[in-house]
Amino acid sequence: MSKKNAPATNGNESTNTNRHSTKKAVILAVLKTRSLNRFEAHAFGDFCLHSTIAELRGDGQVFHDEWESVPTKWGREVRVKRYRWIQTAR
């Protein structure tokens, strides 16, 4: 592939990959000790927990999830999923 047709990069690709892998490792470690919903995951640096869970499932991790209602800061309730780690399938 010529330089002209090469995909644009910013030089941080390996850093982004390592950061992403670290995020998955952190979330998996936390889920092995407790359950999480999307709002609780923010404290561990994950702002898109359902995507992280999907990737971990693709890596062979098994989770139980269930809907729950949690209060918002405005006094309403919102439904979110709570995830619990079950085991490593592979």
Protein backbone atom coordinates (compact mmCIF):
# COMPACT_ATOMS: atom_id res chain seq x y z
CA MET A 1 0.00 0.00 0.00
CA SER A 2 1.46 3.34 -0.93
CA LYS A 3 1.74 6.08 1.60
CA LYS A 4 -0.86 8.01 -0.34
CA ASN A 5 -3.44 5.21 0.16
CA ALA A 6 -2.42 4.27 3.69
CA PRO A 7 -5.06 4.77 6.39
CA ALA A 8 -4.66 7.93 8.42
CA THR A 9 -3.09 7.36 11.83
CA ASN A 10 -2.27 9.59 14.74
CA GLY A 11 0.60 7.52 16.11
CA ASN A 12 -1.38 6.38 19.17
CA GLU A 13 -2.78 3.12 17.84
CA SER A 14 -0.75 0.83 20.10
CA THR A 15 -1.46 3.08 23.08
CA ASN A 16 -5.19 3.02 22.34
CA THR A 17 -5.12 -0.77 22.01
CA ASN A 18 -3.23 -1.14 25.29
CA ARG A 19 -5.56 1.29 27.04
CA HIS A 20 -8.58 -0.62 25.73
CA SER A 21 -7.13 -3.96 26.83
CA THR A 22 -6.41 -2.51 30.24
CA LYS A 23 -9.99 -1.23 30.54
CA LYS A 24 -11.31 -4.72 29.77
CA ALA A 25 -8.91 -6.23 32.31
CA VAL A 26 -9.96 -3.73 34.99
CA ILE A 27 -13.67 -4.30 34.40
CA LEU A 28 -13.24 -8.09 34.39
CA ALA A 29 -11.27 -7.93 37.65
CA VAL A 30 -13.98 -5.80 39.25
CA LEU A 31 -16.75 -8.09 37.97
CA LYS A 32 -15.00 -11.08 39.52
CA THR A 33 -15.53 -9.42 42.92
CA ARG A 34 -18.89 -7.68 42.50
CA SER A 35 -21.68 -6.87 40.05
CA LEU A 36 -21.86 -3.62 38.08
CA ASN A 37 -24.34 -1.49 36.21
CA ARG A 38 -23.38 1.17 33.68
CA PHE A 39 -23.33 4.01 36.20
CA GLU A 40 -21.17 2.14 38.71
CA ALA A 41 -18.73 1.27 35.91
CA HIS A 42 -17.92 4.99 35.46
CA ALA A 43 -15.87 4.86 38.68
CA PHE A 44 -13.62 2.29 36.98
CA GLY A 45 -13.18 4.28 33.76
CA ASP A 46 -15.81 2.52 31.64
CA PHE A 47 -18.41 4.77 30.06
CA CYS A 48 -19.88 2.14 27.72
CA LEU A 49 -20.19 -0.99 29.87
CA HIS A 50 -22.48 -2.90 27.50
CA SER A 51 -19.81 -2.74 24.77
CA THR A 52 -17.11 -3.93 27.16
CA ILE A 53 -19.34 -6.82 28.24
CA ALA A 54 -19.91 -7.75 24.58
CA GLU A 55 -16.17 -7.84 23.95
CA LEU A 56 -15.52 -9.86 27.11
CA ARG A 57 -18.22 -12.33 26.05
CA GLY A 58 -16.43 -12.60 22.71
CA ASP A 59 -13.27 -13.44 24.68
CA GLY A 60 -15.08 -16.36 26.34
CA GLN A 61 -16.32 -14.77 29.56
CA VAL A 62 -19.82 -15.69 30.76
CA PHE A 63 -22.07 -13.11 32.44
CA HIS A 64 -25.55 -13.05 33.88
CA ASP A 65 -27.41 -9.82 33.27
CA GLU A 66 -30.73 -8.55 34.53
CA TRP A 67 -32.66 -5.33 34.26
CA GLU A 68 -32.96 -3.09 37.31
CA SER A 69 -34.33 0.37 37.98
CA VAL A 70 -32.05 2.98 39.49
CA PRO A 71 -32.86 6.57 40.52
CA THR A 72 -31.46 9.46 38.51
CA LYS A 73 -30.22 12.68 40.05
CA TRP A 74 -33.51 14.26 38.95
CA GLY A 75 -35.65 11.86 41.00
CA ARG A 76 -36.80 9.68 38.13
CA GLU A 77 -35.99 6.02 37.60
CA VAL A 78 -34.16 4.56 34.63
CA ARG A 79 -33.75 0.91 33.68
CA VAL A 80 -30.22 -0.41 33.29
CA LYS A 81 -28.65 -3.83 33.19
CA ARG A 82 -26.66 -5.22 36.09
CA TYR A 83 -23.91 -7.63 35.04
CA ARG A 84 -22.48 -10.48 37.11
CA TRP A 85 -19.48 -12.54 36.04
CA ILE A 86 -20.17 -16.29 36.04
CA GLN A 87 -17.07 -17.96 34.59
CA THR A 88 -14.54 -18.18 31.80
CA ALA A 89 -16.03 -20.44 29.13
CA ARG A 90 -12.85 -21.26 27.21
